[in-house]
Amino acid sequence: MTSKTDNHFKLKAFFNDEYHALKAYAKSKIDDAADRDADEIVQDVALKLFSQVNRSPINNIAGFVYHSLRNRIIDILRSKKERLSVED
């Protein structure tokens, strides 16, 4: 199997099995997040990962996905802080 096909298969299986856990993780990291926000964050990360699937082989799929999710949450929290400080 090529790394692109292998990565795609691994990501698809991981997101199918762990979607609810990923959503719960995202929700736990954002204080005032509605359920829909956590969904959108996980879907945004999934879209980005699937669009960049032709990278080198992913060995630790769980670590890779959770690290990407954590980085996206940090980006969101930073952008919310910047908007709040400008409006105040």
PDB file of N, CA and C in Angstrom:
ATOM      1  N   MET A   1       0.829  -1.181   0.000  1.00  0.00           N
ATOM      2  CA  MET A   1       0.000   0.000   0.000  1.00  0.00           C
ATOM      3  C   MET A   1       0.877   1.249   0.000  1.00  0.00           C
ATOM      4  N   THR A   2       0.496   2.257  -0.717  1.00  0.00           N
ATOM      5  CA  THR A   2       1.240   3.506  -0.703  1.00  0.00           C
ATOM      6  C   THR A   2       0.944   4.253   0.585  1.00  0.00           C
ATOM      7  N   SER A   3       1.815   5.190   0.927  1.00  0.00           N
ATOM      8  CA  SER A   3       1.614   5.935   2.171  1.00  0.00           C
ATOM      9  C   SER A   3       0.330   6.757   2.122  1.00  0.00           C
ATOM     10  N   LYS A   4      -0.036   7.269   0.936  1.00  0.00           N
ATOM     11  CA  LYS A   4      -1.271   8.053   0.803  1.00  0.00           C
ATOM     12  C   LYS A   4      -2.487   7.187   1.118  1.00  0.00           C
ATOM     13  N   THR A   5      -2.555   6.014   0.538  1.00  0.00           N
ATOM     14  CA  THR A   5      -3.682   5.109   0.764  1.00  0.00           C
ATOM     15  C   THR A   5      -3.687   4.608   2.196  1.00  0.00           C
ATOM     16  N   ASP A   6      -2.516   4.272   2.708  1.00  0.00           N
ATOM     17  CA  ASP A   6      -2.401   3.779   4.071  1.00  0.00           C
ATOM     18  C   ASP A   6      -2.808   4.857   5.076  1.00  0.00           C
ATOM     19  N   ASN A   7      -2.323   6.079   4.880  1.00  0.00           N
ATOM     20  CA  ASN A   7      -2.698   7.186   5.766  1.00  0.00           C
ATOM     21  C   ASN A   7      -4.198   7.442   5.722  1.00  0.00           C
ATOM     22  N   HIS A   8      -4.771   7.425   4.530  1.00  0.00           N
ATOM     23  CA  HIS A   8      -6.204   7.669   4.378  1.00  0.00           C
ATOM     24  C   HIS A   8      -7.007   6.597   5.108  1.00  0.00           C
ATOM     25  N   PHE A   9      -6.607   5.354   4.944  1.00  0.00           N
ATOM     26  CA  PHE A   9      -7.290   4.251   5.609  1.00  0.00           C
ATOM     27  C   PHE A   9      -7.186   4.374   7.124  1.00  0.00           C
ATOM     28  N   LYS A  10      -5.993   4.684   7.622  1.00  0.00           N
ATOM     29  CA  LYS A  10      -5.791   4.835   9.078  1.00  0.00           C
ATOM     30  C   LYS A  10      -6.626   5.981   9.638  1.00  0.00           C
ATOM     31  N   LEU A  11      -6.606   7.119   8.945  1.00  0.00           N
ATOM     32  CA  LEU A  11      -7.380   8.272   9.405  1.00  0.00           C
ATOM     33  C   LEU A  11      -8.878   7.981   9.404  1.00  0.00           C
ATOM     34  N   LYS A  12      -9.350   7.365   8.339  1.00  0.00           N
ATOM     35  CA  LYS A  12     -10.773   7.058   8.243  1.00  0.00           C
ATOM     36  C   LYS A  12     -11.205   6.113   9.365  1.00  0.00           C
ATOM     37  N   ALA A  13     -10.430   5.075   9.609  1.00  0.00           N
ATOM     38  CA  ALA A  13     -10.756   4.120  10.675  1.00  0.00           C
ATOM     39  C   ALA A  13     -10.709   4.799  12.039  1.00  0.00           C
ATOM     40  N   PHE A  14      -9.709   5.647  12.251  1.00  0.00           N
ATOM     41  CA  PHE A  14      -9.584   6.321  13.541  1.00  0.00           C
ATOM     42  C   PHE A  14     -10.750   7.267  13.789  1.00  0.00           C
ATOM     43  N   PHE A  15     -11.103   8.067  12.796  1.00  0.00           N
ATOM     44  CA  PHE A  15     -12.214   9.002  12.972  1.00  0.00           C
ATOM     45  C   PHE A  15     -13.541   8.258  13.140  1.00  0.00           C
ATOM     46  N   ASN A  16     -13.718   7.139  12.463  1.00  0.00           N
ATOM     47  CA  ASN A  16     -14.945   6.352  12.647  1.00  0.00           C
ATOM     48  C   ASN A  16     -15.042   5.796  14.066  1.00  0.00           C
ATOM     49  N   ASP A  17     -13.932   5.311  14.597  1.00  0.00           N
ATOM     50  CA  ASP A  17     -13.933   4.692  15.925  1.00  0.00           C
ATOM     51  C   ASP A  17     -13.927   5.712  17.062  1.00  0.00           C
ATOM     52  N   GLU A  18     -13.250   6.817  16.878  1.00  0.00           N
ATOM     53  CA  GLU A  18     -12.984   7.744  17.986  1.00  0.00           C
ATOM     54  C   GLU A  18     -13.672   9.103  17.862  1.00  0.00           C
ATOM     55  N   TYR A  19     -14.634   9.241  16.981  1.00  0.00           N
ATOM     56  CA  TYR A  19     -15.240  10.554  16.746  1.00  0.00           C
ATOM     57  C   TYR A  19     -15.831  11.156  18.025  1.00  0.00           C
ATOM     58  N   HIS A  20     -16.566  10.362  18.772  1.00  0.00           N
ATOM     59  CA  HIS A  20     -17.201  10.887  19.987  1.00  0.00           C
ATOM     60  C   HIS A  20     -16.161  11.253  21.043  1.00  0.00           C
ATOM     61  N   ALA A  21     -15.098  10.488  21.138  1.00  0.00           N
ATOM     62  CA  ALA A  21     -14.026  10.808  22.086  1.00  0.00           C
ATOM     63  C   ALA A  21     -13.310  12.094  21.679  1.00  0.00           C
ATOM     64  N   LEU A  22     -13.102  12.277  20.391  1.00  0.00           N
ATOM     65  CA  LEU A  22     -12.477  13.506  19.901  1.00  0.00           C
ATOM     66  C   LEU A  22     -13.374  14.719  20.178  1.00  0.00           C
ATOM     67  N   LYS A  23     -14.658  14.543  19.971  1.00  0.00           N
ATOM     68  CA  LYS A  23     -15.611  15.623  20.238  1.00  0.00           C
ATOM     69  C   LYS A  23     -15.644  15.970  21.730  1.00  0.00           C
ATOM     70  N   ALA A  24     -15.616  14.961  22.579  1.00  0.00           N
ATOM     71  CA  ALA A  24     -15.599  15.190  24.025  1.00  0.00           C
ATOM     72  C   ALA A  24     -14.311  15.895  24.443  1.00  0.00           C
ATOM     73  N   TYR A  25     -13.202  15.512  23.848  1.00  0.00           N
ATOM     74  CA  TYR A  25     -11.919  16.152  24.138  1.00  0.00           C
ATOM     75  C   TYR A  25     -11.971  17.632  23.754  1.00  0.00           C
ATOM     76  N   ALA A  26     -12.479  17.923  22.570  1.00  0.00           N
ATOM     77  CA  ALA A  26     -12.575  19.314  22.121  1.00  0.00           C
ATOM     78  C   ALA A  26     -13.490  20.116  23.038  1.00  0.00           C
ATOM     79  N   LYS A  27     -14.602  19.525  23.413  1.00  0.00           N
ATOM     80  CA  LYS A  27     -15.553  20.213  24.287  1.00  0.00           C
ATOM     81  C   LYS A  27     -14.956  20.474  25.659  1.00  0.00           C
ATOM     82  N   SER A  28     -14.145  19.545  26.162  1.00  0.00           N
ATOM     83  CA  SER A  28     -13.546  19.716  27.490  1.00  0.00           C
ATOM     84  C   SER A  28     -12.484  20.810  27.503  1.00  0.00           C
ATOM     85  N   LYS A  29     -11.899  21.101  26.365  1.00  0.00           N
ATOM     86  CA  LYS A  29     -10.837  22.104  26.299  1.00  0.00           C
ATOM     87  C   LYS A  29     -11.352  23.515  26.105  1.00  0.00           C
ATOM     88  N   ILE A  30     -12.594  23.650  25.675  1.00  0.00           N
ATOM     89  CA  ILE A  30     -13.173  24.977  25.463  1.00  0.00           C
ATOM     90  C   ILE A  30     -14.291  25.154  26.479  1.00  0.00           C
ATOM     91  N   ASP A  31     -14.145  26.149  27.334  1.00  0.00           N
ATOM     92  CA  ASP A  31     -15.058  26.341  28.460  1.00  0.00           C
ATOM     93  C   ASP A  31     -16.515  26.511  28.053  1.00  0.00           C
ATOM     94  N   ASP A  32     -16.783  27.459  27.194  1.00  0.00           N
ATOM     95  CA  ASP A  32     -18.166  27.802  26.876  1.00  0.00           C
ATOM     96  C   ASP A  32     -18.608  27.263  25.522  1.00  0.00           C
ATOM     97  N   ALA A  33     -18.038  26.166  25.104  1.00  0.00           N
ATOM     98  CA  ALA A  33     -18.358  25.614  23.788  1.00  0.00           C
ATOM     99  C   ALA A  33     -19.688  24.880  23.803  1.00  0.00           C
ATOM    100  N   ALA A  34     -20.471  25.144  22.824  1.00  0.00           N
ATOM    101  CA  ALA A  34     -21.688  24.363  22.636  1.00  0.00           C
ATOM    102  C   ALA A  34     -21.303  23.056  21.956  1.00  0.00           C
ATOM    103  N   ASP A  35     -22.198  22.113  21.960  1.00  0.00           N
ATOM    104  CA  ASP A  35     -21.931  20.812  21.349  1.00  0.00           C
ATOM    105  C   ASP A  35     -21.586  20.974  19.870  1.00  0.00           C
ATOM    106  N   ARG A  36     -22.231  21.892  19.221  1.00  0.00           N
ATOM    107  CA  ARG A  36     -22.010  22.111  17.793  1.00  0.00           C
ATOM    108  C   ARG A  36     -20.598  22.639  17.525  1.00  0.00           C
ATOM    109  N   ASP A  37     -20.079  23.477  18.421  1.00  0.00           N
ATOM    110  CA  ASP A  37     -18.730  24.001  18.244  1.00  0.00           C
ATOM    111  C   ASP A  37     -17.698  22.888  18.271  1.00  0.00           C
ATOM    112  N   ALA A  38     -17.842  21.952  19.184  1.00  0.00           N
ATOM    113  CA  ALA A  38     -16.913  20.829  19.262  1.00  0.00           C
ATOM    114  C   ALA A  38     -16.985  20.001  17.985  1.00  0.00           C
ATOM    115  N   ASP A  39     -18.188  19.787  17.481  1.00  0.00           N
ATOM    116  CA  ASP A  39     -18.370  19.082  16.208  1.00  0.00           C
ATOM    117  C   ASP A  39     -17.622  19.784  15.079  1.00  0.00           C
ATOM    118  N   GLU A  40     -17.787  21.092  15.006  1.00  0.00           N
ATOM    119  CA  GLU A  40     -17.161  21.867  13.939  1.00  0.00           C
ATOM    120  C   GLU A  40     -15.639  21.821  14.031  1.00  0.00           C
ATOM    121  N   ILE A  41     -15.121  21.856  15.241  1.00  0.00           N
ATOM    122  CA  ILE A  41     -13.673  21.807  15.429  1.00  0.00           C
ATOM    123  C   ILE A  41     -13.124  20.464  14.957  1.00  0.00           C
ATOM    124  N   VAL A  42     -13.760  19.374  15.365  1.00  0.00           N
ATOM    125  CA  VAL A  42     -13.307  18.039  14.969  1.00  0.00           C
ATOM    126  C   VAL A  42     -13.418  17.876  13.456  1.00  0.00           C
ATOM    127  N   GLN A  43     -14.506  18.345  12.873  1.00  0.00           N
ATOM    128  CA  GLN A  43     -14.679  18.229  11.426  1.00  0.00           C
ATOM    129  C   GLN A  43     -13.663  19.081  10.669  1.00  0.00           C
ATOM    130  N   ASP A  44     -13.341  20.240  11.213  1.00  0.00           N
ATOM    131  CA  ASP A  44     -12.344  21.100  10.595  1.00  0.00           C
ATOM    132  C   ASP A  44     -10.974  20.416  10.582  1.00  0.00           C
ATOM    133  N   VAL A  45     -10.615  19.807  11.705  1.00  0.00           N
ATOM    134  CA  VAL A  45      -9.342  19.086  11.798  1.00  0.00           C
ATOM    135  C   VAL A  45      -9.342  17.891  10.844  1.00  0.00           C
ATOM    136  N   ALA A  46     -10.446  17.159  10.804  1.00  0.00           N
ATOM    137  CA  ALA A  46     -10.529  15.994   9.915  1.00  0.00           C
ATOM    138  C   ALA A  46     -10.370  16.421   8.455  1.00  0.00           C
ATOM    139  N   LEU A  47     -11.039  17.482   8.073  1.00  0.00           N
ATOM    140  CA  LEU A  47     -10.935  17.977   6.698  1.00  0.00           C
ATOM    141  C   LEU A  47      -9.497  18.333   6.357  1.00  0.00           C
ATOM    142  N   LYS A  48      -8.837  19.024   7.260  1.00  0.00           N
ATOM    143  CA  LYS A  48      -7.457  19.420   7.013  1.00  0.00           C
ATOM    144  C   LYS A  48      -6.540  18.204   6.906  1.00  0.00           C
ATOM    145  N   LEU A  49      -6.722  17.240   7.799  1.00  0.00           N
ATOM    146  CA  LEU A  49      -5.870  16.053   7.768  1.00  0.00           C
ATOM    147  C   LEU A  49      -6.111  15.224   6.509  1.00  0.00           C
ATOM    148  N   PHE A  50      -7.366  15.053   6.119  1.00  0.00           N
ATOM    149  CA  PHE A  50      -7.658  14.276   4.914  1.00  0.00           C
ATOM    150  C   PHE A  50      -7.171  14.986   3.650  1.00  0.00           C
ATOM    151  N   SER A  51      -7.156  16.303   3.657  1.00  0.00           N
ATOM    152  CA  SER A  51      -6.680  17.021   2.475  1.00  0.00           C
ATOM    153  C   SER A  51      -5.162  16.987   2.356  1.00  0.00           C
ATOM    154  N   GLN A  52      -4.462  16.709   3.464  1.00  0.00           N
ATOM    155  CA  GLN A  52      -3.006  16.632   3.445  1.00  0.00           C
ATOM    156  C   GLN A  52      -2.523  15.197   3.637  1.00  0.00           C
ATOM    157  N   VAL A  53      -3.311  14.238   3.224  1.00  0.00           N
ATOM    158  CA  VAL A  53      -3.046  12.832   3.494  1.00  0.00           C
ATOM    159  C   VAL A  53      -1.821  12.304   2.753  1.00  0.00           C
ATOM    160  N   ASN A  54      -1.359  12.966   1.724  1.00  0.00           N
ATOM    161  CA  ASN A  54      -0.243  12.444   0.944  1.00  0.00           C
ATOM    162  C   ASN A  54       1.113  12.865   1.504  1.00  0.00           C
ATOM    163  N   ARG A  55       1.221  12.926   2.798  1.00  0.00           N
ATOM    164  CA  ARG A  55       2.480  13.179   3.482  1.00  0.00           C
ATOM    165  C   ARG A  55       3.212  11.859   3.687  1.00  0.00           C
ATOM    166  N   SER A  56       4.254  11.914   4.476  1.00  0.00           N
ATOM    167  CA  SER A  56       4.963  10.681   4.818  1.00  0.00           C
ATOM    168  C   SER A  56       4.063   9.818   5.706  1.00  0.00           C
ATOM    169  N   PRO A  57       4.355   8.546   5.832  1.00  0.00           N
ATOM    170  CA  PRO A  57       3.490   7.650   6.612  1.00  0.00           C
ATOM    171  C   PRO A  57       3.311   8.119   8.059  1.00  0.00           C
ATOM    172  N   ILE A  58       2.095   7.978   8.555  1.00  0.00           N
ATOM    173  CA  ILE A  58       1.777   8.341   9.938  1.00  0.00           C
ATOM    174  C   ILE A  58       1.899   7.078  10.779  1.00  0.00           C
ATOM    175  N   ASN A  59       2.813   7.082  11.734  1.00  0.00           N
ATOM    176  CA  ASN A  59       3.019   5.906  12.572  1.00  0.00           C
ATOM    177  C   ASN A  59       2.082   5.875  13.779  1.00  0.00           C
ATOM    178  N   ASN A  60       1.958   6.999  14.476  1.00  0.00           N
ATOM    179  CA  ASN A  60       1.113   7.084  15.663  1.00  0.00           C
ATOM    180  C   ASN A  60      -0.108   7.924  15.312  1.00  0.00           C
ATOM    181  N   ILE A  61      -1.128   7.286  14.803  1.00  0.00           N
ATOM    182  CA  ILE A  61      -2.303   8.004  14.287  1.00  0.00           C
ATOM    183  C   ILE A  61      -3.039   8.755  15.395  1.00  0.00           C
ATOM    184  N   ALA A  62      -3.187   8.141  16.566  1.00  0.00           N
ATOM    185  CA  ALA A  62      -3.901   8.793  17.666  1.00  0.00           C
ATOM    186  C   ALA A  62      -3.162  10.045  18.129  1.00  0.00           C
ATOM    187  N   GLY A  63      -1.876   9.936  18.307  1.00  0.00           N
ATOM    188  CA  GLY A  63      -1.079  11.089  18.719  1.00  0.00           C
ATOM    189  C   GLY A  63      -1.119  12.200  17.689  1.00  0.00           C
ATOM    190  N   PHE A  64      -1.060  11.827  16.437  1.00  0.00           N
ATOM    191  CA  PHE A  64      -1.094  12.790  15.342  1.00  0.00           C
ATOM    192  C   PHE A  64      -2.420  13.553  15.319  1.00  0.00           C
ATOM    193  N   VAL A  65      -3.520  12.834  15.451  1.00  0.00           N
ATOM    194  CA  VAL A  65      -4.842  13.467  15.400  1.00  0.00           C
ATOM    195  C   VAL A  65      -5.081  14.331  16.633  1.00  0.00           C
ATOM    196  N   TYR A  66      -4.767  13.801  17.821  1.00  0.00           N
ATOM    197  CA  TYR A  66      -4.985  14.589  19.038  1.00  0.00           C
ATOM    198  C   TYR A  66      -4.088  15.827  19.069  1.00  0.00           C
ATOM    199  N   HIS A  67      -2.886  15.702  18.588  1.00  0.00           N
ATOM    200  CA  HIS A  67      -1.984  16.856  18.531  1.00  0.00           C
ATOM    201  C   HIS A  67      -2.543  17.918  17.573  1.00  0.00           C
ATOM    202  N   SER A  68      -3.046  17.491  16.441  1.00  0.00           N
ATOM    203  CA  SER A  68      -3.656  18.414  15.483  1.00  0.00           C
ATOM    204  C   SER A  68      -4.897  19.078  16.073  1.00  0.00           C
ATOM    205  N   LEU A  69      -5.706  18.309  16.778  1.00  0.00           N
ATOM    206  CA  LEU A  69      -6.909  18.838  17.411  1.00  0.00           C
ATOM    207  C   LEU A  69      -6.545  19.856  18.489  1.00  0.00           C
ATOM    208  N   ARG A  70      -5.547  19.527  19.298  1.00  0.00           N
ATOM    209  CA  ARG A  70      -5.110  20.449  20.348  1.00  0.00           C
ATOM    210  C   ARG A  70      -4.614  21.755  19.737  1.00  0.00           C
ATOM    211  N   ASN A  71      -3.838  21.673  18.666  1.00  0.00           N
ATOM    212  CA  ASN A  71      -3.337  22.884  18.011  1.00  0.00           C
ATOM    213  C   ASN A  71      -4.472  23.737  17.467  1.00  0.00           C
ATOM    214  N   ARG A  72      -5.499  23.106  16.902  1.00  0.00           N
ATOM    215  CA  ARG A  72      -6.650  23.857  16.375  1.00  0.00           C
ATOM    216  C   ARG A  72      -7.406  24.550  17.503  1.00  0.00           C
ATOM    217  N   ILE A  73      -7.559  23.873  18.627  1.00  0.00           N
ATOM    218  CA  ILE A  73      -8.244  24.475  19.783  1.00  0.00           C
ATOM    219  C   ILE A  73      -7.457  25.676  20.293  1.00  0.00           C
ATOM    220  N   ILE A  74      -6.142  25.554  20.349  1.00  0.00           N
ATOM    221  CA  ILE A  74      -5.302  26.674  20.781  1.00  0.00           C
ATOM    222  C   ILE A  74      -5.470  27.851  19.823  1.00  0.00           C
ATOM    223  N   ASP A  75      -5.496  27.583  18.530  1.00  0.00           N
ATOM    224  CA  ASP A  75      -5.709  28.654  17.548  1.00  0.00           C
ATOM    225  C   ASP A  75      -7.039  29.359  17.778  1.00  0.00           C
ATOM    226  N   ILE A  76      -8.078  28.593  18.052  1.00  0.00           N
ATOM    227  CA  ILE A  76      -9.410  29.167  18.294  1.00  0.00           C
ATOM    228  C   ILE A  76      -9.409  30.011  19.560  1.00  0.00           C
ATOM    229  N   LEU A  77      -8.807  29.499  20.622  1.00  0.00           N
ATOM    230  CA  LEU A  77      -8.762  30.246  21.883  1.00  0.00           C
ATOM    231  C   LEU A  77      -7.963  31.537  21.726  1.00  0.00           C
ATOM    232  N   ARG A  78      -6.889  31.500  20.986  1.00  0.00           N
ATOM    233  CA  ARG A  78      -6.102  32.718  20.747  1.00  0.00           C
ATOM    234  C   ARG A  78      -6.909  33.737  19.962  1.00  0.00           C
ATOM    235  N   SER A  79      -7.632  33.294  18.966  1.00  0.00           N
ATOM    236  CA  SER A  79      -8.406  34.241  18.159  1.00  0.00           C
ATOM    237  C   SER A  79      -9.550  34.841  18.973  1.00  0.00           C
ATOM    238  N   LYS A  80     -10.136  34.076  19.885  1.00  0.00           N
ATOM    239  CA  LYS A  80     -11.190  34.623  20.749  1.00  0.00           C
ATOM    240  C   LYS A  80     -10.628  35.656  21.696  1.00  0.00           C
ATOM    241  N   LYS A  81      -9.442  35.426  22.249  1.00  0.00           N
ATOM    242  CA  LYS A  81      -8.816  36.394  23.145  1.00  0.00           C
ATOM    243  C   LYS A  81      -8.537  37.694  22.419  1.00  0.00           C
ATOM    244  N   GLU A  82      -8.013  37.598  21.216  1.00  0.00           N
ATOM    245  CA  GLU A  82      -7.696  38.796  20.450  1.00  0.00           C
ATOM    246  C   GLU A  82      -8.956  39.592  20.142  1.00  0.00           C
ATOM    247  N   ARG A  83     -10.053  38.928  19.805  1.00  0.00           N
ATOM    248  CA  ARG A  83     -11.305  39.633  19.527  1.00  0.00           C
ATOM    249  C   ARG A  83     -11.850  40.296  20.781  1.00  0.00           C
ATOM    250  N   LEU A  84     -11.755  39.635  21.924  1.00  0.00           N
ATOM    251  CA  LEU A  84     -12.258  40.216  23.160  1.00  0.00           C
ATOM    252  C   LEU A  84     -11.455  41.422  23.570  1.00  0.00           C
ATOM    253  N   SER A  85     -10.166  41.363  23.468  1.00  0.00           N
ATOM    254  CA  SER A  85      -9.338  42.497  23.892  1.00  0.00           C
ATOM    255  C   SER A  85      -9.520  43.708  22.992  1.00  0.00           C
ATOM    256  N   VAL A  86      -9.759  43.521  21.722  1.00  0.00           N
ATOM    257  CA  VAL A  86      -9.955  44.634  20.793  1.00  0.00           C
ATOM    258  C   VAL A  86     -11.298  45.300  21.059  1.00  0.00           C
ATOM    259  N   GLU A  87     -12.326  44.506  21.336  1.00  0.00           N
ATOM    260  CA  GLU A  87     -13.651  45.077  21.559  1.00  0.00           C
ATOM    261  C   GLU A  87     -13.756  45.796  22.895  1.00  0.00           C
ATOM    262  N   ASP A  88     -13.003  45.337  23.893  1.00  0.00           N
ATOM    263  CA  ASP A  88     -13.045  45.978  25.208  1.00  0.00           C
ATOM    264  C   ASP A  88     -12.372  47.337  25.130  1.00  0.00           C
TER     265      ASP A  88
END
